[in-house]
Amino acid sequence: MVRMSDGSYRVALYKNKRTWTLTWDNLTDAQLAILESVHAYNTALRFQNGWVSAAWYNVVIADYRTNLNADSLHRPVKRYSATIQLREF
């Protein structure tokens, strides 16, 4: 059963678990700290992909990667990129 945004439930007949990859560029230290705290929380999250449907999914973080952007090495404010892969459970 999938819970819709209006509170109703619908049956979702999917053979495979869904995955979503989210990527951010030019994150500040504070923004990166927020993503790291969500990753460290290490529990189920609720995720809605508004491009596909109004359904909310229970997901876990399957993969988390961060990189320092090369063009910010010599700047006073460092910028980062981050990629999170969410997997439905």
PDB file of N, CA and C in Angstrom:
ATOM      1  N   MET A   1       0.839  -1.176   0.000  1.00  0.00           N
ATOM      2  CA  MET A   1       0.000   0.000   0.000  1.00  0.00           C
ATOM      3  C   MET A   1       0.886   1.243   0.000  1.00  0.00           C
ATOM      4  N   VAL A   2       0.464   2.214  -0.769  1.00  0.00           N
ATOM      5  CA  VAL A   2       1.176   3.484  -0.856  1.00  0.00           C
ATOM      6  C   VAL A   2       0.252   4.571  -0.345  1.00  0.00           C
ATOM      7  N   ARG A   3       0.758   5.407   0.560  1.00  0.00           N
ATOM      8  CA  ARG A   3      -0.047   6.504   1.092  1.00  0.00           C
ATOM      9  C   ARG A   3       0.085   7.700   0.164  1.00  0.00           C
ATOM     10  N   MET A   4      -1.035   8.230  -0.287  1.00  0.00           N
ATOM     11  CA  MET A   4      -1.061   9.378  -1.183  1.00  0.00           C
ATOM     12  C   MET A   4      -1.051  10.666  -0.360  1.00  0.00           C
ATOM     13  N   SER A   5      -0.791  11.802  -1.020  1.00  0.00           N
ATOM     14  CA  SER A   5      -0.695  13.078  -0.317  1.00  0.00           C
ATOM     15  C   SER A   5      -2.016  13.499   0.315  1.00  0.00           C
ATOM     16  N   ASP A   6      -3.139  13.028  -0.204  1.00  0.00           N
ATOM     17  CA  ASP A   6      -4.438  13.379   0.375  1.00  0.00           C
ATOM     18  C   ASP A   6      -4.827  12.463   1.537  1.00  0.00           C
ATOM     19  N   GLY A   7      -3.958  11.534   1.913  1.00  0.00           N
ATOM     20  CA  GLY A   7      -4.204  10.642   3.038  1.00  0.00           C
ATOM     21  C   GLY A   7      -4.794   9.304   2.653  1.00  0.00           C
ATOM     22  N   SER A   8      -5.214   9.143   1.416  1.00  0.00           N
ATOM     23  CA  SER A   8      -5.772   7.866   0.976  1.00  0.00           C
ATOM     24  C   SER A   8      -4.653   6.864   0.712  1.00  0.00           C
ATOM     25  N   TYR A   9      -5.017   5.602   0.609  1.00  0.00           N
ATOM     26  CA  TYR A   9      -4.055   4.542   0.331  1.00  0.00           C
ATOM     27  C   TYR A   9      -4.403   3.867  -0.986  1.00  0.00           C
ATOM     28  N   ARG A  10      -3.379   3.511  -1.743  1.00  0.00           N
ATOM     29  CA  ARG A  10      -3.573   2.794  -2.998  1.00  0.00           C
ATOM     30  C   ARG A  10      -2.606   1.626  -3.055  1.00  0.00           C
ATOM     31  N   VAL A  11      -3.008   0.615  -3.781  1.00  0.00           N
ATOM     32  CA  VAL A  11      -2.142  -0.546  -3.958  1.00  0.00           C
ATOM     33  C   VAL A  11      -1.151  -0.234  -5.071  1.00  0.00           C
ATOM     34  N   ALA A  12       0.129  -0.455  -4.793  1.00  0.00           N
ATOM     35  CA  ALA A  12       1.169  -0.238  -5.796  1.00  0.00           C
ATOM     36  C   ALA A  12       1.776  -1.595  -6.131  1.00  0.00           C
ATOM     37  N   LEU A  13       1.613  -2.025  -7.346  1.00  0.00           N
ATOM     38  CA  LEU A  13       2.105  -3.333  -7.769  1.00  0.00           C
ATOM     39  C   LEU A  13       3.398  -3.163  -8.560  1.00  0.00           C
ATOM     40  N   TYR A  14       4.490  -3.027  -7.857  1.00  0.00           N
ATOM     41  CA  TYR A  14       5.801  -2.883  -8.482  1.00  0.00           C
ATOM     42  C   TYR A  14       6.619  -4.128  -8.169  1.00  0.00           C
ATOM     43  N   LYS A  15       7.317  -4.628  -9.158  1.00  0.00           N
ATOM     44  CA  LYS A  15       8.142  -5.815  -8.947  1.00  0.00           C
ATOM     45  C   LYS A  15       9.442  -5.469  -8.235  1.00  0.00           C
ATOM     46  N   ASN A  16      10.012  -4.335  -8.565  1.00  0.00           N
ATOM     47  CA  ASN A  16      11.304  -3.953  -8.003  1.00  0.00           C
ATOM     48  C   ASN A  16      11.140  -2.767  -7.066  1.00  0.00           C
ATOM     49  N   LYS A  17      12.032  -2.705  -6.107  1.00  0.00           N
ATOM     50  CA  LYS A  17      12.065  -1.545  -5.228  1.00  0.00           C
ATOM     51  C   LYS A  17      12.602  -0.363  -6.024  1.00  0.00           C
ATOM     52  N   ARG A  18      12.061   0.794  -5.774  1.00  0.00           N
ATOM     53  CA  ARG A  18      12.482   1.985  -6.503  1.00  0.00           C
ATOM     54  C   ARG A  18      13.725   2.591  -5.863  1.00  0.00           C
ATOM     55  N   THR A  19      14.523   3.247  -6.673  1.00  0.00           N
ATOM     56  CA  THR A  19      15.671   4.001  -6.183  1.00  0.00           C
ATOM     57  C   THR A  19      15.654   5.378  -6.831  1.00  0.00           C
ATOM     58  N   TRP A  20      16.174   6.341  -6.103  1.00  0.00           N
ATOM     59  CA  TRP A  20      16.301   7.701  -6.607  1.00  0.00           C
ATOM     60  C   TRP A  20      17.699   8.190  -6.269  1.00  0.00           C
ATOM     61  N   THR A  21      18.323   8.867  -7.200  1.00  0.00           N
ATOM     62  CA  THR A  21      19.631   9.469  -6.969  1.00  0.00           C
ATOM     63  C   THR A  21      19.460  10.979  -6.976  1.00  0.00           C
ATOM     64  N   LEU A  22      19.860  11.613  -5.886  1.00  0.00           N
ATOM     65  CA  LEU A  22      19.756  13.063  -5.737  1.00  0.00           C
ATOM     66  C   LEU A  22      21.160  13.637  -5.688  1.00  0.00           C
ATOM     67  N   THR A  23      21.406  14.696  -6.456  1.00  0.00           N
ATOM     68  CA  THR A  23      22.733  15.299  -6.528  1.00  0.00           C
ATOM     69  C   THR A  23      22.629  16.802  -6.317  1.00  0.00           C
ATOM     70  N   TRP A  24      23.543  17.331  -5.523  1.00  0.00           N
ATOM     71  CA  TRP A  24      23.629  18.767  -5.292  1.00  0.00           C
ATOM     72  C   TRP A  24      25.047  19.226  -5.595  1.00  0.00           C
ATOM     73  N   ASP A  25      25.174  20.421  -6.160  1.00  0.00           N
ATOM     74  CA  ASP A  25      26.474  21.046  -6.413  1.00  0.00           C
ATOM     75  C   ASP A  25      26.542  22.371  -5.659  1.00  0.00           C
ATOM     76  N   ASN A  26      27.758  22.815  -5.401  1.00  0.00           N
ATOM     77  CA  ASN A  26      28.014  24.119  -4.765  1.00  0.00           C
ATOM     78  C   ASN A  26      27.378  24.263  -3.390  1.00  0.00           C
ATOM     79  N   LEU A  27      27.458  23.220  -2.584  1.00  0.00           N
ATOM     80  CA  LEU A  27      26.961  23.284  -1.214  1.00  0.00           C
ATOM     81  C   LEU A  27      27.970  23.984  -0.320  1.00  0.00           C
ATOM     82  N   THR A  28      27.485  24.766   0.629  1.00  0.00           N
ATOM     83  CA  THR A  28      28.354  25.378   1.628  1.00  0.00           C
ATOM     84  C   THR A  28      28.622  24.361   2.741  1.00  0.00           C
ATOM     85  N   ASP A  29      29.495  24.739   3.671  1.00  0.00           N
ATOM     86  CA  ASP A  29      29.766  23.866   4.822  1.00  0.00           C
ATOM     87  C   ASP A  29      28.492  23.593   5.622  1.00  0.00           C
ATOM     88  N   ALA A  30      27.670  24.622   5.819  1.00  0.00           N
ATOM     89  CA  ALA A  30      26.441  24.466   6.600  1.00  0.00           C
ATOM     90  C   ALA A  30      25.446  23.548   5.889  1.00  0.00           C
ATOM     91  N   GLN A  31      25.302  23.708   4.588  1.00  0.00           N
ATOM     92  CA  GLN A  31      24.384  22.850   3.834  1.00  0.00           C
ATOM     93  C   GLN A  31      24.862  21.404   3.831  1.00  0.00           C
ATOM     94  N   LEU A  32      26.167  21.208   3.688  1.00  0.00           N
ATOM     95  CA  LEU A  32      26.718  19.856   3.726  1.00  0.00           C
ATOM     96  C   LEU A  32      26.509  19.226   5.103  1.00  0.00           C
ATOM     97  N   ALA A  33      26.634  20.022   6.158  1.00  0.00           N
ATOM     98  CA  ALA A  33      26.423  19.514   7.516  1.00  0.00           C
ATOM     99  C   ALA A  33      24.991  19.009   7.701  1.00  0.00           C
ATOM    100  N   ILE A  34      24.020  19.668   7.072  1.00  0.00           N
ATOM    101  CA  ILE A  34      22.626  19.217   7.161  1.00  0.00           C
ATOM    102  C   ILE A  34      22.475  17.849   6.507  1.00  0.00           C
ATOM    103  N   LEU A  35      23.046  17.677   5.307  1.00  0.00           N
ATOM    104  CA  LEU A  35      22.963  16.376   4.636  1.00  0.00           C
ATOM    105  C   LEU A  35      23.667  15.290   5.440  1.00  0.00           C
ATOM    106  N   GLU A  36      24.815  15.630   6.034  1.00  0.00           N
ATOM    107  CA  GLU A  36      25.545  14.645   6.833  1.00  0.00           C
ATOM    108  C   GLU A  36      24.758  14.252   8.082  1.00  0.00           C
ATOM    109  N   SER A  37      24.028  15.193   8.670  1.00  0.00           N
ATOM    110  CA  SER A  37      23.225  14.847   9.847  1.00  0.00           C
ATOM    111  C   SER A  37      22.054  13.941   9.465  1.00  0.00           C
ATOM    112  N   VAL A  38      21.465  14.156   8.291  1.00  0.00           N
ATOM    113  CA  VAL A  38      20.397  13.262   7.818  1.00  0.00           C
ATOM    114  C   VAL A  38      20.963  11.866   7.577  1.00  0.00           C
ATOM    115  N   HIS A  39      22.157  11.799   6.991  1.00  0.00           N
ATOM    116  CA  HIS A  39      22.800  10.504   6.750  1.00  0.00           C
ATOM    117  C   HIS A  39      23.138   9.815   8.071  1.00  0.00           C
ATOM    118  N   ALA A  40      23.616  10.577   9.046  1.00  0.00           N
ATOM    119  CA  ALA A  40      23.988  10.001  10.339  1.00  0.00           C
ATOM    120  C   ALA A  40      22.761   9.569  11.145  1.00  0.00           C
ATOM    121  N   TYR A  41      21.604  10.126  10.845  1.00  0.00           N
ATOM    122  CA  TYR A  41      20.364   9.765  11.538  1.00  0.00           C
ATOM    123  C   TYR A  41      20.079   8.276  11.384  1.00  0.00           C
ATOM    124  N   ASN A  42      20.422   7.712  10.221  1.00  0.00           N
ATOM    125  CA  ASN A  42      20.430   6.263   9.985  1.00  0.00           C
ATOM    126  C   ASN A  42      19.097   5.583  10.306  1.00  0.00           C
ATOM    127  N   THR A  43      18.034   6.106   9.746  1.00  0.00           N
ATOM    128  CA  THR A  43      16.719   5.507   9.939  1.00  0.00           C
ATOM    129  C   THR A  43      15.883   5.729   8.685  1.00  0.00           C
ATOM    130  N   ALA A  44      14.680   5.221   8.691  1.00  0.00           N
ATOM    131  CA  ALA A  44      13.793   5.380   7.537  1.00  0.00           C
ATOM    132  C   ALA A  44      13.403   6.844   7.365  1.00  0.00           C
ATOM    133  N   LEU A  45      13.317   7.258   6.133  1.00  0.00           N
ATOM    134  CA  LEU A  45      12.920   8.615   5.783  1.00  0.00           C
ATOM    135  C   LEU A  45      11.673   8.554   4.915  1.00  0.00           C
ATOM    136  N   ARG A  46      10.960   9.652   4.829  1.00  0.00           N
ATOM    137  CA  ARG A  46       9.805   9.763   3.938  1.00  0.00           C
ATOM    138  C   ARG A  46      10.235  10.606   2.751  1.00  0.00           C
ATOM    139  N   PHE A  47       9.911  10.145   1.544  1.00  0.00           N
ATOM    140  CA  PHE A  47      10.341  10.820   0.320  1.00  0.00           C
ATOM    141  C   PHE A  47       9.180  10.887  -0.660  1.00  0.00           C
ATOM    142  N   GLN A  48       9.018  12.045  -1.283  1.00  0.00           N
ATOM    143  CA  GLN A  48       7.996  12.220  -2.312  1.00  0.00           C
ATOM    144  C   GLN A  48       8.664  12.767  -3.564  1.00  0.00           C
ATOM    145  N   ASN A  49       8.435  12.097  -4.687  1.00  0.00           N
ATOM    146  CA  ASN A  49       8.942  12.555  -5.977  1.00  0.00           C
ATOM    147  C   ASN A  49       7.766  13.172  -6.732  1.00  0.00           C
ATOM    148  N   GLY A  50       7.644  14.468  -6.646  1.00  0.00           N
ATOM    149  CA  GLY A  50       6.525  15.165  -7.248  1.00  0.00           C
ATOM    150  C   GLY A  50       6.477  15.098  -8.762  1.00  0.00           C
ATOM    151  N   TRP A  51       7.602  14.742  -9.397  1.00  0.00           N
ATOM    152  CA  TRP A  51       7.623  14.613 -10.854  1.00  0.00           C
ATOM    153  C   TRP A  51       6.880  13.369 -11.319  1.00  0.00           C
ATOM    154  N   VAL A  52       6.798  12.357 -10.443  1.00  0.00           N
ATOM    155  CA  VAL A  52       6.213  11.075 -10.836  1.00  0.00           C
ATOM    156  C   VAL A  52       4.793  10.912 -10.305  1.00  0.00           C
ATOM    157  N   SER A  53       4.606  11.140  -9.009  1.00  0.00           N
ATOM    158  CA  SER A  53       3.282  10.959  -8.412  1.00  0.00           C
ATOM    159  C   SER A  53       3.222  11.720  -7.095  1.00  0.00           C
ATOM    160  N   ALA A  54       2.064  11.685  -6.476  1.00  0.00           N
ATOM    161  CA  ALA A  54       1.877  12.333  -5.180  1.00  0.00           C
ATOM    162  C   ALA A  54       2.130  11.367  -4.027  1.00  0.00           C
ATOM    163  N   ALA A  55       2.600  10.174  -4.325  1.00  0.00           N
ATOM    164  CA  ALA A  55       2.820   9.147  -3.304  1.00  0.00           C
ATOM    165  C   ALA A  55       4.049   9.470  -2.460  1.00  0.00           C
ATOM    166  N   TRP A  56       3.970   9.129  -1.189  1.00  0.00           N
ATOM    167  CA  TRP A  56       5.112   9.212  -0.284  1.00  0.00           C
ATOM    168  C   TRP A  56       5.695   7.808  -0.141  1.00  0.00           C
ATOM    169  N   TYR A  57       7.018   7.718  -0.105  1.00  0.00           N
ATOM    170  CA  TYR A  57       7.707   6.435  -0.015  1.00  0.00           C
ATOM    171  C   TYR A  57       8.553   6.390   1.253  1.00  0.00           C
ATOM    172  N   ASN A  58       8.621   5.219   1.869  1.00  0.00           N
ATOM    173  CA  ASN A  58       9.550   4.978   2.967  1.00  0.00           C
ATOM    174  C   ASN A  58      10.860   4.538   2.342  1.00  0.00           C
ATOM    175  N   VAL A  59      11.919   5.283   2.620  1.00  0.00           N
ATOM    176  CA  VAL A  59      13.208   5.027   1.984  1.00  0.00           C
ATOM    177  C   VAL A  59      14.318   5.014   3.024  1.00  0.00           C
ATOM    178  N   VAL A  60      15.435   4.458   2.621  1.00  0.00           N
ATOM    179  CA  VAL A  60      16.669   4.526   3.394  1.00  0.00           C
ATOM    180  C   VAL A  60      17.763   5.058   2.475  1.00  0.00           C
ATOM    181  N   ILE A  61      18.787   5.626   3.068  1.00  0.00           N
ATOM    182  CA  ILE A  61      19.921   6.109   2.284  1.00  0.00           C
ATOM    183  C   ILE A  61      20.815   4.918   1.985  1.00  0.00           C
ATOM    184  N   ALA A  62      20.883   4.539   0.717  1.00  0.00           N
ATOM    185  CA  ALA A  62      21.674   3.379   0.311  1.00  0.00           C
ATOM    186  C   ALA A  62      23.114   3.761   0.008  1.00  0.00           C
ATOM    187  N   ASP A  63      23.339   4.996  -0.426  1.00  0.00           N
ATOM    188  CA  ASP A  63      24.689   5.440  -0.775  1.00  0.00           C
ATOM    189  C   ASP A  63      24.775   6.937  -0.533  1.00  0.00           C
ATOM    190  N   TYR A  64      25.927   7.386  -0.030  1.00  0.00           N
ATOM    191  CA  TYR A  64      26.135   8.802   0.265  1.00  0.00           C
ATOM    192  C   TYR A  64      27.575   9.151  -0.074  1.00  0.00           C
ATOM    193  N   ARG A  65      27.771  10.132  -0.947  1.00  0.00           N
ATOM    194  CA  ARG A  65      29.121  10.546  -1.346  1.00  0.00           C
ATOM    195  C   ARG A  65      29.220  12.064  -1.372  1.00  0.00           C
ATOM    196  N   THR A  66      30.358  12.578  -0.931  1.00  0.00           N
ATOM    197  CA  THR A  66      30.616  14.014  -1.014  1.00  0.00           C
ATOM    198  C   THR A  66      31.986  14.240  -1.631  1.00  0.00           C
ATOM    199  N   ASN A  67      32.130  15.379  -2.287  1.00  0.00           N
ATOM    200  CA  ASN A  67      33.406  15.775  -2.885  1.00  0.00           C
ATOM    201  C   ASN A  67      33.594  17.264  -2.708  1.00  0.00           C
ATOM    202  N   LEU A  68      34.843  17.668  -2.510  1.00  0.00           N
ATOM    203  CA  LEU A  68      35.189  19.082  -2.520  1.00  0.00           C
ATOM    204  C   LEU A  68      35.321  19.509  -3.973  1.00  0.00           C
ATOM    205  N   ASN A  69      34.605  20.550  -4.371  1.00  0.00           N
ATOM    206  CA  ASN A  69      34.690  21.021  -5.751  1.00  0.00           C
ATOM    207  C   ASN A  69      36.080  21.583  -6.020  1.00  0.00           C
ATOM    208  N   ALA A  70      36.685  21.160  -7.102  1.00  0.00           N
ATOM    209  CA  ALA A  70      38.059  21.552  -7.429  1.00  0.00           C
ATOM    210  C   ALA A  70      38.195  23.052  -7.634  1.00  0.00           C
ATOM    211  N   ASP A  71      37.178  23.698  -8.172  1.00  0.00           N
ATOM    212  CA  ASP A  71      37.290  25.134  -8.431  1.00  0.00           C
ATOM    213  C   ASP A  71      37.210  25.971  -7.159  1.00  0.00           C
ATOM    214  N   SER A  72      36.903  25.368  -6.015  1.00  0.00           N
ATOM    215  CA  SER A  72      36.840  26.123  -4.763  1.00  0.00           C
ATOM    216  C   SER A  72      38.062  25.893  -3.879  1.00  0.00           C
ATOM    217  N   LEU A  73      39.066  25.204  -4.385  1.00  0.00           N
ATOM    218  CA  LEU A  73      40.251  24.912  -3.574  1.00  0.00           C
ATOM    219  C   LEU A  73      40.978  26.170  -3.128  1.00  0.00           C
ATOM    220  N   HIS A  74      41.024  27.180  -3.955  1.00  0.00           N
ATOM    221  CA  HIS A  74      41.791  28.391  -3.649  1.00  0.00           C
ATOM    222  C   HIS A  74      40.888  29.566  -3.300  1.00  0.00           C
ATOM    223  N   ARG A  75      39.675  29.290  -2.922  1.00  0.00           N
ATOM    224  CA  ARG A  75      38.739  30.343  -2.531  1.00  0.00           C
ATOM    225  C   ARG A  75      38.529  30.300  -1.021  1.00  0.00           C
ATOM    226  N   PRO A  76      38.153  31.431  -0.430  1.00  0.00           N
ATOM    227  CA  PRO A  76      37.958  31.444   1.028  1.00  0.00           C
ATOM    228  C   PRO A  76      36.775  30.586   1.489  1.00  0.00           C
ATOM    229  N   VAL A  77      35.751  30.452   0.652  1.00  0.00           N
ATOM    230  CA  VAL A  77      34.588  29.631   0.997  1.00  0.00           C
ATOM    231  C   VAL A  77      34.628  28.365   0.154  1.00  0.00           C
ATOM    232  N   LYS A  78      34.746  27.242   0.817  1.00  0.00           N
ATOM    233  CA  LYS A  78      34.792  25.964   0.109  1.00  0.00           C
ATOM    234  C   LYS A  78      33.387  25.559  -0.322  1.00  0.00           C
ATOM    235  N   ARG A  79      33.297  24.918  -1.472  1.00  0.00           N
ATOM    236  CA  ARG A  79      32.028  24.417  -1.995  1.00  0.00           C
ATOM    237  C   ARG A  79      32.147  22.917  -2.222  1.00  0.00           C
ATOM    238  N   TYR A  80      31.053  22.212  -1.997  1.00  0.00           N
ATOM    239  CA  TYR A  80      31.049  20.758  -2.075  1.00  0.00           C
ATOM    240  C   TYR A  80      29.939  20.286  -3.007  1.00  0.00           C
ATOM    241  N   SER A  81      30.083  19.062  -3.476  1.00  0.00           N
ATOM    242  CA  SER A  81      28.991  18.389  -4.185  1.00  0.00           C
ATOM    243  C   SER A  81      28.654  17.133  -3.380  1.00  0.00           C
ATOM    244  N   ALA A  82      27.402  16.741  -3.451  1.00  0.00           N
ATOM    245  CA  ALA A  82      26.953  15.569  -2.696  1.00  0.00           C
ATOM    246  C   ALA A  82      25.977  14.770  -3.545  1.00  0.00           C
ATOM    247  N   THR A  83      26.038  13.449  -3.382  1.00  0.00           N
ATOM    248  CA  THR A  83      25.116  12.540  -4.057  1.00  0.00           C
ATOM    249  C   THR A  83      24.559  11.573  -3.021  1.00  0.00           C
ATOM    250  N   ILE A  84      23.247  11.454  -3.007  1.00  0.00           N
ATOM    251  CA  ILE A  84      22.570  10.517  -2.111  1.00  0.00           C
ATOM    252  C   ILE A  84      21.700   9.609  -2.959  1.00  0.00           C
ATOM    253  N   GLN A  85      21.809   8.311  -2.715  1.00  0.00           N
ATOM    254  CA  GLN A  85      20.917   7.371  -3.383  1.00  0.00           C
ATOM    255  C   GLN A  85      19.929   6.856  -2.345  1.00  0.00           C
ATOM    256  N   LEU A  86      18.649   7.056  -2.630  1.00  0.00           N
ATOM    257  CA  LEU A  86      17.579   6.582  -1.758  1.00  0.00           C
ATOM    258  C   LEU A  86      17.019   5.289  -2.321  1.00  0.00           C
ATOM    259  N   ARG A  87      16.716   4.353  -1.440  1.00  0.00           N
ATOM    260  CA  ARG A  87      16.142   3.075  -1.865  1.00  0.00           C
ATOM    261  C   ARG A  87      14.870   2.820  -1.067  1.00  0.00           C
ATOM    262  N   GLU A  88      13.828   2.452  -1.773  1.00  0.00           N
ATOM    263  CA  GLU A  88      12.552   2.128  -1.135  1.00  0.00           C
ATOM    264  C   GLU A  88      12.691   0.806  -0.374  1.00  0.00           C
ATOM    265  N   PHE A  89      12.045   0.723   0.781  1.00  0.00           N
ATOM    266  CA  PHE A  89      12.071  -0.554   1.500  1.00  0.00           C
ATOM    267  C   PHE A  89      10.687  -1.037   1.813  1.00  0.00           C
TER     268      PHE A  89
END
